[in-house]
């Protein structure tokens, strides 16, 4: 007997087509059709009340495995930036290709004939879905237009308020006018004469101007911190002279160089080079500032000292702690 491969059970049976009548095949067939039927019923529920949503790739890019056709189909449809829930699955279920594949699947797997109509969508039902979807799209566009109009009205109102605020800020402030008439002019002039007379009133030591303390607006209060000797200093806190009191000659003479000079920089550079050399090198501790005569000879190598040179070598190693141990 020829082997038979079952796509529902995903196995090869060597009993031929008798596998289609086995209990295991019937059980797996019911489970697979039950999973597909749940998704088909959810799509059928949207026939009478189609909805429109904003497109979200994580939500509306899902696909459904069609057991009858043996391939995946998109669950939702898309129109621009809008998602049409269950439109893709309903369009597939109402197509002629799905009808042919469903009939073949029922025939090959010996499924119950009464259940076949549950997995297809008639042309009338799909027509009602398209009409409901068109109404949903129109309602959604009306809501979006109304929202855009409200937003535009709010923007215009905010712009109007902004212009009113700017115009009110740019309008010149009108000063209060004194009442006209000779009496008003004479009173104002007399008040000014009184102020000037009080300001120039002489003191006991001669003609001395008295400062006018009536310049502050009513309601303001200043704190008196005492008399400060600011003659020649300017700033009562730091004692620094303000810039407008400094003469140009003093300013030029008081200018100091910022940072080290070029000679100091070269000396520091030489010191940094010497730090990289070994500390116990010949002449490391030599004082270059000492005064020496013409007959000076270096003695740090012990060559011109008394004794033999090998004695100097051993003495140097003993002092440096590098004397090798005798084998």
Protein backbone atom coordinates (compact mmCIF):
# COMPACT_ATOMS: atom_id res chain seq x y z
CA UNK A 1 0.00 0.00 0.00
CA UNK A 2 1.39 3.44 -0.96
CA UNK A 3 2.40 5.78 1.87
CA UNK A 4 0.18 8.79 2.51
CA UNK A 5 1.34 12.13 3.98
CA UNK A 6 -1.20 13.96 6.16
CA UNK A 7 -0.75 17.76 6.36
CA UNK A 8 -2.99 18.06 9.41
CA UNK A 9 -1.09 15.47 11.47
CA UNK A 10 2.25 16.29 9.79
CA UNK A 11 3.22 12.66 9.44
CA UNK A 12 3.45 9.93 6.79
CA UNK A 13 1.12 6.95 7.17
CA UNK A 14 1.95 3.62 5.50
CA UNK A 15 -1.65 2.47 5.91
CA UNK A 16 -2.76 4.53 2.92
CA UNK A 17 -5.87 6.66 3.11
CA UNK A 18 -7.20 4.63 6.02
CA UNK A 19 -5.33 7.12 8.23
CA UNK A 20 -8.03 9.72 7.43
CA UNK A 21 -10.61 7.67 9.38
CA UNK A 22 -8.43 7.13 12.45
CA UNK A 23 -9.32 8.70 15.81
CA UNK A 24 -6.01 10.57 16.04
CA UNK A 25 -6.54 12.25 12.68
CA UNK A 26 -10.13 13.22 13.55
CA UNK A 27 -9.01 14.72 16.85
CA UNK A 28 -6.21 16.79 15.30
CA UNK A 29 -8.54 17.94 12.53
CA UNK A 30 -11.12 19.20 15.06
CA UNK A 31 -8.42 21.07 17.01
CA UNK A 32 -7.01 22.77 13.90
CA UNK A 33 -10.45 23.75 12.61
CA UNK A 34 -11.40 25.06 16.07
CA UNK A 35 -8.43 27.46 16.08
CA UNK A 36 -9.32 28.75 12.62
CA UNK A 37 -13.02 29.00 13.43
CA UNK A 38 -12.35 31.32 16.41
CA UNK A 39 -10.58 33.79 14.13
CA UNK A 40 -13.25 33.51 11.44
CA UNK A 41 -16.02 34.24 13.95
CA UNK A 42 -14.16 37.32 15.18
CA UNK A 43 -13.96 38.53 11.58
CA UNK A 44 -17.68 37.79 10.97
CA UNK A 45 -18.58 39.95 13.99
CA UNK A 46 -17.11 42.96 12.18
CA UNK A 47 -19.41 42.59 9.14
CA UNK A 48 -22.23 44.65 10.59
CA UNK A 49 -20.09 47.15 12.50
CA UNK A 50 -16.82 47.91 10.75
CA UNK A 51 -14.35 50.12 12.59
CA UNK A 52 -11.43 52.33 11.62
CA UNK A 53 -8.31 52.73 13.74
CA UNK A 54 -5.01 54.56 13.48
CA UNK A 55 -2.39 52.29 11.96
CA UNK A 56 -0.07 50.61 14.47
CA UNK A 57 2.47 48.16 12.99
CA UNK A 58 2.72 46.13 16.19
CA UNK A 59 -1.05 45.58 16.27
CA UNK A 60 -2.22 45.60 12.66
CA UNK A 61 0.59 43.65 10.97
CA UNK A 62 -0.59 40.30 12.34
CA UNK A 63 -1.28 37.39 9.99
CA UNK A 64 -3.60 34.39 10.18
CA UNK A 65 -2.75 30.87 9.05
CA UNK A 66 -5.43 29.57 6.69
CA UNK A 67 -5.61 25.81 7.16
CA UNK A 68 -7.58 25.25 3.98
CA UNK A 69 -5.22 27.21 1.69
CA UNK A 70 -2.04 26.30 3.56
CA UNK A 71 -0.66 29.87 3.72
CA UNK A 72 -0.73 33.00 5.84
CA UNK A 73 -3.09 35.88 5.05
CA UNK A 74 -3.13 39.41 6.57
CA UNK A 75 -5.76 39.83 9.26
CA UNK A 76 -6.33 43.62 8.90
CA UNK A 77 -6.45 45.92 5.92
CA UNK A 78 -4.80 49.28 5.49
CA UNK A 79 -5.72 52.55 3.81
CA UNK A 80 -3.02 55.17 4.09
CA UNK A 81 -2.42 55.85 7.77
CA UNK A 82 -5.61 54.03 8.81
CA UNK A 83 -6.09 50.38 9.74
CA UNK A 84 -9.22 48.41 8.81
CA UNK A 85 -9.65 45.60 11.39
CA UNK A 86 -10.47 42.13 9.94
CA UNK A 87 -10.73 43.51 6.40
CA UNK A 88 -7.87 41.39 5.08
CA UNK A 89 -9.21 38.10 6.48
CA UNK A 90 -12.77 38.75 5.28
CA UNK A 91 -11.54 39.58 1.79
CA UNK A 92 -9.64 36.29 1.71
CA UNK A 93 -12.59 34.24 3.03
CA UNK A 94 -14.89 35.73 0.38
CA UNK A 95 -12.52 35.08 -2.53
CA UNK A 96 -13.04 32.29 -5.10
CA UNK A 97 -9.59 30.79 -4.46
CA UNK A 98 -10.43 30.17 -0.82
CA UNK A 99 -13.70 28.51 -1.82
CA UNK A 100 -11.89 26.07 -4.13
CA UNK A 101 -9.20 25.29 -1.55
CA UNK A 102 -11.80 24.79 1.18
CA UNK A 103 -13.70 22.27 -0.96
CA UNK A 104 -10.48 20.39 -1.72
CA UNK A 105 -9.45 20.35 1.95
CA UNK A 106 -12.83 18.98 3.02
CA UNK A 107 -12.66 16.31 0.37
CA UNK A 108 -9.11 15.19 1.14
CA UNK A 109 -9.41 15.16 4.95
CA UNK A 110 -12.97 13.78 5.18
CA UNK A 111 -14.17 16.68 7.36
CA UNK A 112 -17.84 17.17 8.26
CA UNK A 113 -19.68 18.73 5.34
CA UNK A 114 -21.99 20.76 7.60
CA UNK A 115 -19.02 22.76 8.96
CA UNK A 116 -17.71 23.95 5.60
CA UNK A 117 -19.98 27.01 5.32
CA UNK A 118 -18.62 28.35 8.60
CA UNK A 119 -15.21 28.88 7.03
CA UNK A 120 -16.33 30.84 3.96
CA UNK A 121 -17.96 34.25 3.59
CA UNK A 122 -20.68 34.81 1.04
CA UNK A 123 -20.65 37.68 -1.42
CA UNK A 124 -23.70 39.25 0.28
CA UNK A 125 -22.00 39.32 3.67
CA UNK A 126 -18.84 40.79 2.19
CA UNK A 127 -20.93 43.45 0.41
CA UNK A 128 -22.53 44.43 3.72
CA UNK A 129 -19.08 44.67 5.25
CA UNK A 130 -17.83 47.01 2.50
CA UNK A 131 -20.86 49.26 2.97
CA UNK A 132 -20.34 49.34 6.73
CA UNK A 133 -16.65 50.06 6.18
CA UNK A 134 -17.45 52.97 3.87
CA UNK A 135 -19.77 54.49 6.48
CA UNK A 136 -17.08 54.08 9.14
CA UNK A 137 -14.51 55.81 6.93
CA UNK A 138 -16.88 58.74 6.28
CA UNK A 139 -17.60 59.12 9.99
CA UNK A 140 -13.93 59.00 10.81
CA UNK A 141 -13.11 61.66 8.22
CA UNK A 142 -15.89 63.89 9.59
CA UNK A 143 -14.51 63.53 13.10
CA UNK A 144 -11.02 64.35 11.88
CA UNK A 145 -12.29 67.43 9.99
CA UNK A 146 -14.15 68.63 13.07
CA UNK A 147 -11.06 68.12 15.21
CA UNK A 148 -8.95 70.07 12.69
CA UNK A 149 -11.48 72.93 12.67
CA UNK A 150 -11.48 73.09 16.47
CA UNK A 151 -7.70 73.09 16.55
CA UNK A 152 -7.56 75.86 13.94
CA UNK A 153 -10.05 77.92 15.98
CA UNK A 154 -7.95 77.51 19.11
CA UNK A 155 -4.84 78.54 17.18
CA UNK A 156 -6.57 81.66 15.83
CA UNK A 157 -7.80 82.57 19.31
CA UNK A 158 -4.32 82.19 20.77
CA UNK A 159 -2.86 84.31 17.95
CA UNK A 160 -5.47 87.02 18.56
CA UNK A 161 -4.68 87.12 22.27
CA UNK A 162 -0.97 87.31 21.52
CA UNK A 163 -1.46 90.23 19.16
CA UNK A 164 -3.60 92.05 21.74
CA UNK A 165 -0.89 91.56 24.38
CA UNK A 166 1.84 92.84 22.06
CA UNK A 167 -0.26 95.82 20.99
CA UNK A 168 -1.02 96.72 24.61
CA UNK A 169 2.69 96.55 25.47
CA UNK A 170 3.69 98.77 22.53
CA UNK A 171 1.11 101.51 23.21
CA UNK A 172 2.70 104.67 24.77
CA UNK A 173 1.87 105.27 28.43
CA UNK A 174 -0.05 108.56 28.88
CA UNK A 175 1.24 110.72 31.75
CA UNK A 176 -1.32 112.25 34.12
CA UNK A 177 -1.94 115.92 33.23
CA UNK A 178 -2.09 118.64 35.83
CA UNK A 179 -5.30 120.68 36.00
CA UNK A 180 -5.10 123.72 33.75
CA UNK A 181 -5.28 127.24 35.14
CA UNK A 182 -3.07 129.91 36.71
CA UNK A 183 -3.60 128.57 40.22
CA UNK A 184 -2.29 125.14 39.29
CA UNK A 185 0.78 126.62 37.57
CA UNK A 186 1.56 128.89 40.49
CA UNK A 187 1.27 126.00 42.99
CA UNK A 188 3.61 123.80 40.94
CA UNK A 189 6.13 126.62 40.55
CA UNK A 190 6.00 127.40 44.28
CA UNK A 191 6.60 123.73 45.08
CA UNK A 192 9.68 123.69 42.84
CA UNK A 193 11.03 126.89 44.46
CA UNK A 194 10.60 125.38 47.91
CA UNK A 195 12.54 122.27 46.91
CA UNK A 196 15.41 124.25 45.37
CA UNK A 197 15.54 126.59 48.38
CA UNK A 198 15.77 123.71 50.80
CA UNK A 199 18.50 122.04 48.71
CA UNK A 200 20.69 125.19 48.68
CA UNK A 201 20.18 126.25 52.29
CA UNK A 202 23.59 127.30 53.78
CA UNK A 203 24.96 125.54 56.85
CA UNK A 204 26.84 126.90 59.84
CA UNK A 205 30.25 126.66 58.09
CA UNK A 206 29.25 128.62 55.01
CA UNK A 207 27.44 127.93 51.78
CA UNK A 208 27.02 124.12 51.67
CA UNK A 209 24.61 122.23 49.50
CA UNK A 210 22.31 119.90 51.35
CA UNK A 211 21.49 116.67 49.45
CA UNK A 212 17.91 116.23 48.43
CA UNK A 213 16.47 113.11 50.04
CA UNK A 214 13.04 113.49 48.46
CA UNK A 215 14.07 111.81 45.18
CA UNK A 216 12.86 108.34 46.22
CA UNK A 217 9.41 107.24 45.27
CA UNK A 218 6.94 106.79 48.13
CA UNK A 219 6.94 103.28 49.49
CA UNK A 220 10.65 102.53 48.80
CA UNK A 221 13.02 101.98 51.69
CA UNK A 222 16.83 101.85 51.65
CA UNK A 223 19.12 100.45 54.33
CA UNK A 224 21.78 102.81 55.70
CA UNK A 225 25.10 100.99 56.05
CA UNK A 226 27.06 103.86 57.60
CA UNK A 227 29.60 106.31 56.26
CA UNK A 228 32.32 104.59 54.25
CA UNK A 229 35.69 106.10 53.44
CA UNK A 230 35.69 105.53 49.71
CA UNK A 231 38.01 108.37 48.72
CA UNK A 232 40.36 106.89 46.13
CA UNK A 233 38.91 103.38 46.57
CA UNK A 234 35.54 103.32 44.86
CA UNK A 235 34.19 99.90 45.91
CA UNK A 236 33.12 99.89 49.59
CA UNK A 237 33.30 96.10 49.80
CA UNK A 238 36.57 95.19 48.03
CA UNK A 239 38.32 98.56 48.00
CA UNK A 240 38.94 98.33 44.26
CA UNK A 241 38.91 101.49 42.20
CA UNK A 242 36.23 101.53 39.51
CA UNK A 243 37.46 101.35 35.92
CA UNK A 244 36.29 104.85 35.00
CA UNK A 245 38.57 106.36 37.71
CA UNK A 246 41.75 104.63 36.52
CA UNK A 247 44.05 106.78 34.36
CA UNK A 248 45.42 105.38 31.16
CA UNK A 249 49.02 105.83 32.34
CA UNK A 250 48.36 103.90 35.53
CA UNK A 251 46.52 101.21 33.61
CA UNK A 252 49.43 100.73 31.19
CA UNK A 253 52.01 100.70 34.00
CA UNK A 254 50.03 98.27 36.12
CA UNK A 255 49.72 95.68 33.41
CA UNK A 256 51.47 92.50 34.42
CA UNK A 257 52.38 89.54 32.33
CA UNK A 258 50.05 86.62 32.80
CA UNK A 259 51.77 83.30 33.31
CA UNK A 260 55.48 82.43 33.19
CA UNK A 261 57.92 84.07 30.81
CA UNK A 262 59.51 82.30 27.86
CA UNK A 263 62.84 81.90 29.71
CA UNK A 264 61.09 80.29 32.69
CA UNK A 265 59.27 77.97 30.32
CA UNK A 266 62.58 76.79 28.79
CA UNK A 267 64.09 76.21 32.24
CA UNK A 268 61.11 74.13 33.31
CA UNK A 269 61.32 72.17 30.09
CA UNK A 270 64.95 71.31 30.79
CA UNK A 271 64.05 70.21 34.32
CA UNK A 272 61.40 67.89 32.95
CA UNK A 273 63.98 66.33 30.61
CA UNK A 274 66.40 65.77 33.48
CA UNK A 275 63.73 64.03 35.56
CA UNK A 276 63.50 61.28 32.94
CA UNK A 277 67.22 60.43 33.29
CA UNK A 278 68.43 57.91 35.95
CA UNK A 279 68.92 59.44 39.36
CA UNK A 280 72.28 57.71 40.01
CA UNK A 281 73.92 58.82 36.77
CA UNK A 282 77.37 60.48 36.74
CA UNK A 283 77.08 64.15 37.58
CA UNK A 284 73.44 64.03 38.69
CA UNK A 285 74.17 65.88 41.94
CA UNK A 286 76.67 68.29 40.48
CA UNK A 287 76.07 71.91 41.44
CA UNK A 288 76.36 73.95 38.26
CA UNK A 289 76.17 77.21 40.19
CA UNK A 290 79.39 76.58 42.17
CA UNK A 291 82.45 78.67 41.43
CA UNK A 292 85.38 76.65 40.05
CA UNK A 293 88.82 77.54 38.81
CA UNK A 294 90.64 76.66 35.63
CA UNK A 295 92.44 73.72 37.30
CA UNK A 296 89.17 71.99 38.21
CA UNK A 297 88.88 68.30 37.37
CA UNK A 298 85.86 66.08 38.03
CA UNK A 299 86.28 63.57 40.85
CA UNK A 300 82.87 61.89 40.95
CA UNK A 301 84.17 58.86 38.96
CA UNK A 302 87.00 58.11 41.43
CA UNK A 303 89.42 57.83 38.49
CA UNK A 304 91.72 60.65 39.68
CA UNK A 305 91.46 59.70 43.34
CA UNK A 306 94.10 57.68 45.11
CA UNK A 307 93.94 53.94 44.65
CA UNK A 308 93.38 51.60 41.74
CA UNK A 309 90.38 51.76 39.42
CA UNK A 310 89.06 48.33 40.36
CA UNK A 311 88.90 49.49 43.98
CA UNK A 312 86.74 52.41 42.92
CA UNK A 313 84.48 50.05 40.97
CA UNK A 314 83.95 47.75 43.96
CA UNK A 315 83.40 50.68 46.27
CA UNK A 316 80.76 52.13 43.93
CA UNK A 317 78.89 48.82 43.76
CA UNK A 318 78.97 48.43 47.53
CA UNK A 319 77.50 51.89 48.00
CA UNK A 320 74.77 51.33 45.44
CA UNK A 321 73.81 47.94 46.89
CA UNK A 322 74.42 46.12 43.66
CA UNK A 323 77.42 44.05 44.74
CA UNK A 324 77.02 40.55 43.50
CA UNK A 325 77.15 37.67 45.87
CA UNK A 326 80.19 35.42 45.68
CA UNK A 327 79.45 32.08 44.13
